[in-house]
Amino acid sequence: MIRIGIIFLAVFLALMTGIGIWGMRKTKTLGDFFLGGRTMGPWVSAVAYGTSYFSAVIFIGFAGAQGWQFGLNALWIALGNALIGAGAAWVILARRTRRMTQNLDAMTMPEFLQERYGAKHLKPVAASVIFFFLLPYSASVFKGLGHLFEAVFHIPYDLALLIMIAFTGVYLILGGYFAIAVTDFIQGIIMFFGAAVMIFVLSGQGGGLGEMIGKVTENYQIHVPPAQQPSVLTVISLVFMTSFGTWGLPQMTQKFYAVKNEAVIPRAAAVTTVFALMIGIAAYLTGAYAHVFFDLTTVPQNEAGAILYDSIVPTLLTNRFVGNLQLLLSLILLLVLSASMSTLSSLVLVSSSSVAIDLYPSRVDTKTGKDRSVAMMRLLSALFIIVSYFISRFQIGFIVTLMSLSWGVVSGSFAAPYILGLYHKKVTKAGAYAGLITGLVTEIVLFFVLGPARSPLAASFAIVVPFMVVPLVSRFTDPPGRRLLDRAFEGI
């Protein structure tokens, strides 16, 4: 199986490199590099959104932890992700985001906030939030991939990290967003069919889907007594954080900026919803199936008897996909790899843009008149990938904490100023500042007060509170000028 897996891996990585070289020929301007020239069609845009949504974290750690602790209730997360995080996001946000960012000539979240509110200092503040919290998040994805390669292909962790960095760097640095979108589409196809195969095989080994659901329901009550089962509030906060929380993440909203025209949005919404539903159900149902294939003595544990949630799904797949099914296991490993590489490339692109676009003082050489922005984006993308490697290689405690905070901080900081700014002309510059700062502070304070175990609840509050603060502050402060509002809302 290792030999077959390495062959699949080599073909996959060679294909990604070829797409990067192809994308380089289509990348001439900063708009080409960061947004693909705003020419992305519905299928590519939809799948790019979906693949950026899900990484190895959902298939390895998250599915194992939530599947075991929540049982079939984990499927509520999958449903929320598909209907709210994917479908509703496209329906509610995509058209206005595409139109308003084009009106304002904005390519990034910090640029949008600056231009929408006429706040020149909001751009560097927002860019700093992205830089400090998305960069460690990208490093955490590298870390998960490194451990996956080490366990499956018996490649040393350090070498696995270098392989991932090299190939991610090649297609991202050369081809920019165009290469990311095309590779995401290919990776999305692998993810979709790999997820379907995984559930089909596992369900068949347990007597069929209906039989498996019955067994999960029965065994869950034995493995996780009612006193240890998560509360309704915990389930709701986790669904909310992973579903509505994506509405404020720059690497997700970037997909709306890049669509070719507004006509593609309804089709993209439908495709993204179906894609997210398949991936989410496959991941969390696999995690819940652990209650059938393991008991309290065989579930992966450490020497102290604590359950190793990150090992549940990898162990389950390795144990169940044996003999003639090893070829399918190689496909599923590509599924996990694809999920992570697509998320990683989007994170690196958005993180590097926070400096190259939002903080770089001049994009044009004053002596030659040559646009230096694309070269700067490529340079910074390479630099960010290298920094991510060192963060992944040397797990500094402070950086690990930033990884845990990243989702809640970024979404809490941006969701309210971004979404309310799309719909309400009365939102003010002061309100946007207040919303960003409130989300940032709320997440950090509650994370340490409630503890890491209740981080979904902290993130949910960090996202919700600014939606109350922004209108309140806006009511008592001056709105942007009429000319700016007319420009931003033209055609909306």
Protein backbone atom coordinates (compact mmCIF):
# COMPACT_ATOMS: atom_id res chain seq x y z
CA MET A 1 0.00 0.00 0.00
CA ILE A 2 2.87 2.35 0.78
CA ARG A 3 4.30 1.87 -2.73
CA ILE A 4 0.90 2.49 -4.38
CA GLY A 5 0.34 5.51 -2.18
CA ILE A 6 3.70 7.01 -3.09
CA ILE A 7 2.96 6.53 -6.82
CA PHE A 8 -0.41 8.28 -6.40
CA LEU A 9 1.31 11.03 -4.42
CA ALA A 10 4.00 11.54 -7.08
CA VAL A 11 1.42 11.80 -9.88
CA PHE A 12 -0.69 14.19 -7.81
CA LEU A 13 2.21 16.49 -6.97
CA ALA A 14 3.46 16.49 -10.56
CA LEU A 15 0.00 17.52 -11.72
CA MET A 16 -0.11 20.36 -9.21
CA THR A 17 3.29 21.58 -10.41
CA GLY A 18 2.16 21.52 -14.04
CA ILE A 19 -0.89 23.61 -13.20
CA GLY A 20 1.33 26.13 -11.43
CA ILE A 21 3.46 26.53 -14.56
CA TRP A 22 0.32 26.87 -16.71
CA GLY A 23 -1.10 29.46 -14.30
CA MET A 24 2.11 31.50 -14.46
CA ARG A 25 1.44 32.17 -18.15
CA LYS A 26 -1.95 33.63 -17.26
CA THR A 27 -0.69 35.77 -14.38
CA LYS A 28 0.43 39.22 -15.50
CA THR A 29 -1.08 41.67 -13.02
CA LEU A 30 -1.81 41.80 -9.30
CA GLY A 31 -5.49 41.23 -10.05
CA ASP A 32 -4.56 38.10 -12.00
CA PHE A 33 -2.38 36.80 -9.17
CA PHE A 34 -4.76 37.47 -6.28
CA LEU A 35 -8.19 37.12 -7.91
CA GLY A 36 -7.56 35.27 -11.16
CA GLY A 37 -8.59 38.40 -13.04
CA ARG A 38 -12.13 38.03 -11.63
CA THR A 39 -12.87 35.41 -14.31
CA MET A 40 -13.78 32.32 -12.27
CA GLY A 41 -16.85 30.35 -13.36
CA PRO A 42 -19.46 28.70 -11.10
CA TRP A 43 -17.98 25.21 -10.79
CA VAL A 44 -14.42 26.34 -10.15
CA SER A 45 -15.55 29.06 -7.72
CA ALA A 46 -17.88 26.74 -5.83
CA VAL A 47 -15.37 23.93 -5.43
CA ALA A 48 -12.60 26.40 -4.52
CA TYR A 49 -14.84 27.67 -1.71
CA GLY A 50 -15.58 24.14 -0.53
CA THR A 51 -11.99 22.93 -0.60
CA SER A 52 -10.84 26.01 1.31
CA TYR A 53 -13.54 25.24 3.90
CA PHE A 54 -12.32 21.74 4.74
CA SER A 55 -8.77 20.64 5.56
CA ALA A 56 -7.12 17.57 7.08
CA VAL A 57 -8.30 18.87 10.46
CA ILE A 58 -11.90 17.87 9.76
CA PHE A 59 -11.00 14.36 8.57
CA ILE A 60 -8.36 13.58 11.16
CA GLY A 61 -8.83 15.45 14.44
CA PHE A 62 -12.24 17.09 14.25
CA ALA A 63 -14.17 14.10 12.87
CA GLY A 64 -12.60 11.75 15.39
CA ALA A 65 -13.21 14.03 18.36
CA GLN A 66 -16.73 15.14 17.50
CA GLY A 67 -17.79 11.77 16.12
CA TRP A 68 -16.83 10.05 19.36
CA GLN A 69 -18.00 12.75 21.78
CA PHE A 70 -21.18 13.78 19.91
CA GLY A 71 -22.17 10.57 18.13
CA LEU A 72 -24.72 11.21 15.41
CA ASN A 73 -25.26 14.74 16.75
CA ALA A 74 -22.02 15.59 14.95
CA LEU A 75 -24.04 15.47 11.73
CA TRP A 76 -25.67 18.74 12.79
CA ILE A 77 -22.27 20.32 12.21
CA ALA A 78 -22.20 18.93 8.67
CA LEU A 79 -25.72 20.20 8.00
CA GLY A 80 -24.91 23.67 9.35
CA ASN A 81 -21.68 23.87 7.36
CA ALA A 82 -23.48 22.98 4.12
CA LEU A 83 -26.63 25.09 4.49
CA ILE A 84 -25.24 28.11 6.37
CA GLY A 85 -21.49 28.11 5.90
CA ALA A 86 -21.66 27.28 2.19
CA GLY A 87 -25.06 27.76 0.54
CA ALA A 88 -26.42 30.71 2.52
CA ALA A 89 -23.05 32.49 2.38
CA TRP A 90 -23.16 32.50 -1.41
CA VAL A 91 -26.81 33.57 -1.54
CA ILE A 92 -26.54 36.38 1.02
CA LEU A 93 -22.99 37.67 0.54
CA ALA A 94 -21.64 36.84 -2.90
CA ARG A 95 -23.52 39.26 -5.17
CA ARG A 96 -23.11 42.32 -2.97
CA THR A 97 -19.47 41.45 -2.24
CA ARG A 98 -18.66 41.03 -5.94
CA ARG A 99 -20.42 44.28 -6.88
CA MET A 100 -19.16 46.43 -4.00
CA THR A 101 -15.52 45.30 -4.16
CA GLN A 102 -15.52 46.07 -7.86
CA ASN A 103 -17.11 49.48 -7.24
CA LEU A 104 -14.47 50.26 -4.63
CA ASP A 105 -11.60 48.62 -6.53
CA ALA A 106 -10.82 46.48 -3.47
CA MET A 107 -9.09 43.09 -3.63
CA THR A 108 -8.71 42.19 0.04
CA MET A 109 -10.77 42.38 3.21
CA PRO A 110 -8.59 45.20 4.66
CA GLU A 111 -8.89 47.16 1.38
CA PHE A 112 -12.65 46.68 1.38
CA LEU A 113 -13.01 47.94 4.95
CA GLN A 114 -10.82 50.96 4.26
CA GLU A 115 -12.64 51.96 1.09
CA ARG A 116 -16.13 51.16 2.37
CA TYR A 117 -15.76 53.31 5.50
CA GLY A 118 -13.22 55.89 4.30
CA ALA A 119 -10.91 54.82 7.13
CA LYS A 120 -7.27 54.94 6.07
CA HIS A 121 -5.99 53.44 9.34
CA LEU A 122 -8.46 50.54 9.32
CA LYS A 123 -6.57 48.81 6.50
CA PRO A 124 -3.26 48.29 8.38
CA VAL A 125 -5.11 47.28 11.56
CA ALA A 126 -7.14 44.66 9.69
CA ALA A 127 -4.05 43.48 7.79
CA SER A 128 -2.19 43.01 11.07
CA VAL A 129 -4.99 40.81 12.43
CA ILE A 130 -4.80 38.63 9.32
CA PHE A 131 -1.02 38.41 9.46
CA PHE A 132 -0.74 37.49 13.14
CA PHE A 133 -3.58 34.97 13.25
CA LEU A 134 -3.89 33.35 9.80
CA LEU A 135 -0.17 32.67 9.46
CA PRO A 136 -0.10 30.40 12.55
CA TYR A 137 -3.31 28.77 11.29
CA SER A 138 -1.58 27.87 8.02
CA ALA A 139 1.29 26.43 10.05
CA SER A 140 -1.14 24.17 11.90
CA VAL A 141 -2.32 22.74 8.56
CA PHE A 142 1.31 22.06 7.60
CA LYS A 143 1.77 20.30 10.94
CA GLY A 144 -1.23 18.03 10.37
CA LEU A 145 -0.01 17.09 6.91
CA GLY A 146 3.47 16.33 8.21
CA HIS A 147 2.13 13.90 10.81
CA LEU A 148 -0.14 12.27 8.22
CA PHE A 149 2.78 11.61 5.87
CA GLU A 150 4.88 10.32 8.73
CA ALA A 151 2.20 7.83 9.81
CA VAL A 152 1.08 6.59 6.39
CA PHE A 153 4.09 6.79 4.10
CA HIS A 154 6.74 6.37 6.84
CA ILE A 155 8.38 9.59 5.68
CA PRO A 156 10.16 11.48 8.51
CA TYR A 157 8.17 14.44 9.76
CA ASP A 158 10.80 17.03 8.77
CA LEU A 159 11.12 15.62 5.25
CA ALA A 160 7.33 15.47 4.87
CA LEU A 161 7.09 19.16 5.80
CA LEU A 162 9.73 20.06 3.23
CA ILE A 163 7.91 18.10 0.49
CA MET A 164 4.64 19.86 1.24
CA ILE A 165 6.27 23.26 1.38
CA ALA A 166 8.10 22.73 -1.89
CA PHE A 167 5.09 21.66 -3.93
CA THR A 168 2.62 24.08 -2.36
CA GLY A 169 5.12 26.85 -3.01
CA VAL A 170 5.62 25.90 -6.65
CA TYR A 171 2.01 26.05 -7.79
CA LEU A 172 1.04 28.95 -5.54
CA ILE A 173 4.04 31.18 -6.22
CA LEU A 174 3.99 30.57 -9.97
CA GLY A 175 0.27 30.58 -10.73
CA GLY A 176 -1.36 32.57 -7.93
CA TYR A 177 -5.14 32.38 -7.49
CA PHE A 178 -5.71 30.93 -10.96
CA ALA A 179 -3.51 27.95 -10.14
CA ILE A 180 -5.14 27.62 -6.73
CA ALA A 181 -8.64 27.62 -8.22
CA VAL A 182 -7.80 25.03 -10.90
CA THR A 183 -5.96 22.77 -8.47
CA ASP A 184 -8.80 23.20 -5.98
CA PHE A 185 -11.22 21.99 -8.64
CA ILE A 186 -9.14 18.85 -9.25
CA GLN A 187 -8.62 18.34 -5.54
CA GLY A 188 -12.35 18.85 -5.00
CA ILE A 189 -13.19 16.04 -7.40
CA ILE A 190 -10.80 13.76 -5.50
CA MET A 191 -12.33 14.87 -2.20
CA PHE A 192 -15.92 14.32 -3.34
CA PHE A 193 -15.46 10.81 -4.73
CA GLY A 194 -12.99 9.83 -2.01
CA ALA A 195 -15.54 10.79 0.65
CA ALA A 196 -18.30 8.84 -1.12
CA VAL A 197 -16.09 5.74 -1.40
CA MET A 198 -15.08 5.98 2.26
CA ILE A 199 -18.66 6.01 3.51
CA PHE A 200 -19.80 3.31 1.06
CA VAL A 201 -17.08 0.89 2.12
CA LEU A 202 -17.36 1.53 5.85
CA SER A 203 -21.17 1.29 5.80
CA GLY A 204 -20.97 -1.97 3.85
CA GLN A 205 -18.61 -3.49 6.38
CA GLY A 206 -21.07 -2.75 9.17
CA GLY A 207 -24.18 -4.17 7.46
CA GLY A 208 -25.37 -1.10 5.55
CA LEU A 209 -26.12 2.52 6.36
CA GLY A 210 -29.30 1.87 8.34
CA GLU A 211 -27.69 -0.90 10.39
CA MET A 212 -24.65 1.27 11.12
CA ILE A 213 -26.75 4.21 12.31
CA GLY A 214 -28.61 1.92 14.69
CA LYS A 215 -25.36 0.52 16.07
CA VAL A 216 -23.86 3.98 16.53
CA THR A 217 -26.95 5.14 18.44
CA GLU A 218 -26.85 2.09 20.72
CA ASN A 219 -23.11 2.02 21.37
CA TYR A 220 -22.81 5.77 21.88
CA GLN A 221 -24.91 5.54 25.03
CA ILE A 222 -22.54 2.88 26.36
CA HIS A 223 -19.28 4.58 25.38
CA VAL A 224 -20.31 8.11 26.40
CA PRO A 225 -22.65 8.14 29.42
CA PRO A 226 -25.33 10.88 29.50
CA ALA A 227 -23.41 12.85 32.13
CA GLN A 228 -20.43 13.11 29.77
CA GLN A 229 -22.38 13.90 26.62
CA PRO A 230 -22.05 17.49 25.35
CA SER A 231 -24.82 19.93 26.16
CA VAL A 232 -27.18 21.42 23.62
CA LEU A 233 -25.37 24.76 24.05
CA THR A 234 -22.06 23.11 23.15
CA VAL A 235 -23.55 21.58 20.00
CA ILE A 236 -25.16 24.87 18.96
CA SER A 237 -22.00 26.91 19.57
CA LEU A 238 -19.91 24.47 17.56
CA VAL A 239 -22.38 24.51 14.66
CA PHE A 240 -22.53 28.30 14.79
CA MET A 241 -18.76 28.79 14.96
CA THR A 242 -17.97 26.45 12.07
CA SER A 243 -20.91 27.61 9.91
CA PHE A 244 -21.62 31.30 10.40
CA GLY A 245 -18.03 31.87 11.44
CA THR A 246 -16.80 31.32 7.87
CA TRP A 247 -18.71 34.41 6.72
CA GLY A 248 -16.01 36.63 8.20
CA LEU A 249 -12.91 34.70 7.09
CA PRO A 250 -10.94 36.55 4.36
CA GLN A 251 -9.81 33.34 2.64
CA MET A 252 -13.47 32.42 2.13
CA THR A 253 -14.87 35.80 1.08
CA GLN A 254 -12.05 36.13 -1.48
CA LYS A 255 -13.92 33.55 -3.59
CA PHE A 256 -16.81 36.01 -3.98
CA TYR A 257 -14.49 38.74 -5.25
CA ALA A 258 -13.14 36.49 -8.00
CA VAL A 259 -16.32 35.24 -9.71
CA LYS A 260 -16.69 36.12 -13.39
CA ASN A 261 -20.11 37.72 -13.04
CA GLU A 262 -23.20 37.63 -10.86
CA ALA A 263 -24.96 35.11 -13.10
CA VAL A 264 -22.69 32.33 -11.82
CA ILE A 265 -23.63 32.85 -8.17
CA PRO A 266 -26.86 30.75 -7.98
CA ARG A 267 -25.12 27.76 -9.60
CA ALA A 268 -22.07 28.20 -7.40
CA ALA A 269 -24.31 28.26 -4.32
CA ALA A 270 -25.96 24.98 -5.30
CA VAL A 271 -22.69 23.24 -6.16
CA THR A 272 -21.00 24.41 -2.96
CA THR A 273 -23.91 23.22 -0.82
CA VAL A 274 -23.88 19.73 -2.32
CA PHE A 275 -20.10 19.52 -2.08
CA ALA A 276 -20.03 20.66 1.56
CA LEU A 277 -22.86 18.30 2.47
CA MET A 278 -21.00 15.30 1.05
CA ILE A 279 -17.67 16.18 2.69
CA GLY A 280 -19.20 17.09 6.05
CA ILE A 281 -21.43 14.03 6.32
CA ALA A 282 -18.61 11.71 5.21
CA ALA A 283 -16.18 13.15 7.75
CA TYR A 284 -18.46 13.25 10.80
CA LEU A 285 -20.24 9.98 9.99
CA THR A 286 -16.85 8.28 9.76
CA GLY A 287 -16.00 9.68 13.17
CA ALA A 288 -19.31 8.43 14.58
CA TYR A 289 -18.69 4.98 13.05
CA ALA A 290 -15.85 4.65 15.57
CA HIS A 291 -18.55 3.61 18.05
CA VAL A 292 -19.15 0.52 15.90
CA PHE A 293 -15.59 -0.43 15.02
CA PHE A 294 -14.08 0.35 18.46
CA ASP A 295 -15.09 -0.18 22.06
CA LEU A 296 -13.72 1.34 25.26
CA THR A 297 -10.78 -1.08 25.26
CA THR A 298 -9.77 -0.82 21.59
CA VAL A 299 -10.28 2.89 20.87
CA PRO A 300 -6.84 4.58 20.57
CA GLN A 301 -5.62 5.73 23.98
CA ASN A 302 -2.42 6.92 25.60
CA GLU A 303 -0.74 5.25 28.57
CA ALA A 304 -2.88 7.23 30.99
CA GLY A 305 -6.08 5.97 29.36
CA ALA A 306 -7.04 9.25 27.65
CA ILE A 307 -8.59 8.82 24.22
CA LEU A 308 -6.38 9.96 21.32
CA TYR A 309 -8.99 11.63 19.16
CA ASP A 310 -6.51 12.50 16.39
CA SER A 311 -5.75 8.79 15.99
CA ILE A 312 -9.35 7.51 15.78
CA VAL A 313 -10.02 8.05 12.08
CA PRO A 314 -6.52 7.13 10.80
CA THR A 315 -6.57 3.92 12.88
CA LEU A 316 -10.12 3.10 11.75
CA LEU A 317 -9.24 3.51 8.08
CA THR A 318 -6.00 1.56 8.37
CA ASN A 319 -7.81 -1.31 10.11
CA ARG A 320 -10.79 -1.46 7.74
CA PHE A 321 -9.13 -0.84 4.37
CA VAL A 322 -6.99 -3.97 4.09
CA GLY A 323 -6.21 -6.41 1.27
CA ASN A 324 -7.88 -5.40 -1.98
CA LEU A 325 -9.15 -2.19 -0.36
CA GLN A 326 -5.68 -0.71 0.06
CA LEU A 327 -5.94 0.96 -3.34
CA LEU A 328 -9.07 2.75 -2.09
CA LEU A 329 -7.20 3.76 1.06
CA SER A 330 -4.60 5.44 -1.14
CA LEU A 331 -7.43 7.41 -2.76
CA ILE A 332 -8.74 8.45 0.65
CA LEU A 333 -5.28 9.59 1.70
CA LEU A 334 -5.22 11.78 -1.39
CA LEU A 335 -8.60 13.10 -0.23
CA VAL A 336 -7.06 14.23 3.06
CA LEU A 337 -4.00 15.63 1.29
CA SER A 338 -6.19 17.53 -1.19
CA ALA A 339 -8.30 19.01 1.58
CA SER A 340 -5.24 20.33 3.34
CA MET A 341 -3.29 21.66 0.37
CA SER A 342 -6.25 23.66 -0.92
CA THR A 343 -6.89 25.20 2.51
CA LEU A 344 -3.20 25.86 2.96
CA SER A 345 -2.72 27.63 -0.38
CA SER A 346 -5.69 29.93 0.29
CA LEU A 347 -4.38 30.78 3.75
CA VAL A 348 -0.89 31.58 2.47
CA LEU A 349 -2.24 33.72 -0.37
CA VAL A 350 -4.46 35.77 1.94
CA SER A 351 -1.75 36.06 4.61
CA SER A 352 0.86 37.28 2.11
CA SER A 353 -1.63 39.77 0.65
CA SER A 354 -1.94 41.37 4.10
CA VAL A 355 1.59 42.67 3.55
CA ALA A 356 2.03 42.85 -0.24
CA ILE A 357 -1.30 44.58 -0.94
CA ASP A 358 -2.44 46.08 2.35
CA LEU A 359 0.82 47.20 3.96
CA TYR A 360 3.23 47.60 1.04
CA PRO A 361 3.58 51.37 0.58
CA SER A 362 4.09 51.54 -3.20
CA ARG A 363 3.32 48.99 -5.89
CA VAL A 364 5.02 50.93 -8.70
CA ASP A 365 8.76 51.58 -9.06
CA THR A 366 9.10 55.35 -9.14
CA LYS A 367 12.13 55.20 -11.44
CA THR A 368 11.01 52.68 -14.08
CA GLY A 369 7.23 52.88 -13.66
CA LYS A 370 7.13 49.07 -13.50
CA ASP A 371 4.47 47.39 -11.34
CA ARG A 372 6.29 45.48 -8.60
CA SER A 373 3.21 44.03 -6.93
CA VAL A 374 3.16 40.58 -8.55
CA ALA A 375 6.85 40.03 -7.79
CA MET A 376 6.24 41.18 -4.22
CA MET A 377 3.28 38.78 -3.84
CA ARG A 378 5.39 35.88 -5.09
CA LEU A 379 8.26 36.80 -2.80
CA LEU A 380 6.02 37.14 0.25
CA SER A 381 4.13 33.92 -0.55
CA ALA A 382 7.48 32.11 -0.56
CA LEU A 383 8.50 33.85 2.67
CA PHE A 384 5.21 32.98 4.39
CA ILE A 385 5.54 29.34 3.39
CA ILE A 386 9.05 29.23 4.83
CA VAL A 387 7.90 30.89 8.05
CA SER A 388 5.02 28.39 8.27
CA TYR A 389 7.58 25.59 8.04
CA PHE A 390 9.56 26.90 11.00
CA ILE A 391 6.39 27.42 13.03
CA SER A 392 5.35 23.84 12.25
CA ARG A 393 8.80 22.48 12.95
CA PHE A 394 9.33 24.30 16.27
CA GLN A 395 6.07 24.35 18.22
CA ILE A 396 6.52 27.53 20.27
CA GLY A 397 3.90 27.82 23.02
CA PHE A 398 2.87 31.37 22.11
CA ILE A 399 2.35 30.40 18.46
CA VAL A 400 0.30 27.33 19.43
CA THR A 401 -2.02 29.63 21.41
CA LEU A 402 -2.43 31.88 18.35
CA MET A 403 -3.42 28.81 16.33
CA SER A 404 -6.21 28.05 18.80
CA LEU A 405 -7.42 31.66 18.74
CA SER A 406 -7.21 32.22 14.99
CA TRP A 407 -10.70 31.25 13.81
CA GLY A 408 -12.56 33.20 16.51
CA VAL A 409 -10.32 36.28 16.33
CA VAL A 410 -10.40 36.67 12.53
CA SER A 411 -14.09 35.95 12.09
CA GLY A 412 -15.05 37.96 15.17
CA SER A 413 -13.02 40.94 13.98
CA PHE A 414 -14.34 41.06 10.43
CA ALA A 415 -17.82 39.49 10.24
CA ALA A 416 -19.88 42.42 11.55
CA PRO A 417 -18.03 45.31 9.81
CA TYR A 418 -17.98 43.34 6.56
CA ILE A 419 -21.56 41.98 6.48
CA LEU A 420 -23.28 45.07 7.90
CA GLY A 421 -21.23 47.23 5.53
CA LEU A 422 -22.69 45.34 2.59
CA TYR A 423 -26.28 46.03 3.58
CA HIS A 424 -26.51 49.19 5.67
CA LYS A 425 -25.42 52.65 4.59
CA LYS A 426 -25.65 54.01 8.13
CA VAL A 427 -22.75 51.94 9.46
CA THR A 428 -19.97 54.37 10.31
CA LYS A 429 -16.18 54.33 10.40
CA ALA A 430 -16.26 54.43 14.20
CA GLY A 431 -18.72 51.54 14.21
CA ALA A 432 -16.40 49.47 12.00
CA TYR A 433 -13.43 50.16 14.28
CA ALA A 434 -15.51 49.29 17.34
CA GLY A 435 -16.72 46.04 15.77
CA LEU A 436 -13.23 44.90 14.82
CA ILE A 437 -11.75 45.68 18.23
CA THR A 438 -14.72 44.18 20.10
CA GLY A 439 -14.48 40.89 18.22
CA LEU A 440 -10.73 40.69 18.78
CA VAL A 441 -10.89 41.44 22.50
CA THR A 442 -13.96 39.28 23.19
CA GLU A 443 -12.35 36.20 21.66
CA ILE A 444 -9.05 36.61 23.49
CA VAL A 445 -10.65 37.31 26.88
CA LEU A 446 -13.26 34.54 26.71
CA PHE A 447 -10.76 32.02 25.35
CA PHE A 448 -8.69 32.33 28.51
CA VAL A 449 -11.68 32.73 30.87
CA LEU A 450 -13.67 29.75 29.53
CA GLY A 451 -10.66 27.64 28.62
CA PRO A 452 -9.65 25.95 25.34
CA ALA A 453 -12.24 23.20 25.80
CA ARG A 454 -15.03 25.78 25.40
CA SER A 455 -13.37 27.73 22.59
CA PRO A 456 -16.39 27.28 20.24
CA LEU A 457 -18.53 29.18 22.75
CA ALA A 458 -15.90 31.92 23.07
CA ALA A 459 -15.68 32.21 19.27
CA SER A 460 -19.48 32.37 18.96
CA PHE A 461 -19.67 35.28 21.40
CA ALA A 462 -16.79 37.00 19.59
CA ILE A 463 -18.76 36.80 16.34
CA VAL A 464 -22.15 37.85 17.80
CA VAL A 465 -21.17 40.71 20.12
CA PRO A 466 -19.84 43.03 17.34
CA PHE A 467 -23.21 42.77 15.56
CA MET A 468 -24.66 44.62 18.54
CA VAL A 469 -21.74 47.00 19.02
CA VAL A 470 -21.42 48.18 15.39
CA PRO A 471 -25.04 49.50 15.06
CA LEU A 472 -24.93 51.01 18.55
CA VAL A 473 -21.74 52.99 17.90
CA SER A 474 -22.91 53.90 14.38
CA ARG A 475 -26.08 55.44 15.78
CA PHE A 476 -24.08 58.08 17.65
CA THR A 477 -21.33 58.76 15.07
CA ASP A 478 -21.23 60.34 11.62
CA PRO A 479 -21.75 58.08 8.58
CA PRO A 480 -19.42 58.13 5.55
CA GLY A 481 -19.95 60.87 2.98
CA ARG A 482 -22.68 60.69 0.35
CA ARG A 483 -20.18 60.43 -2.51
CA LEU A 484 -18.48 57.40 -0.95
CA LEU A 485 -21.81 55.67 -0.28
CA ASP A 486 -23.07 56.32 -3.80
CA ARG A 487 -19.92 54.81 -5.20
CA ALA A 488 -19.98 51.75 -2.90
CA PHE A 489 -23.68 50.97 -3.41
CA GLU A 490 -23.86 51.72 -7.13
CA GLY A 491 -25.95 49.07 -8.85
CA ILE A 492 -26.89 47.37 -5.56
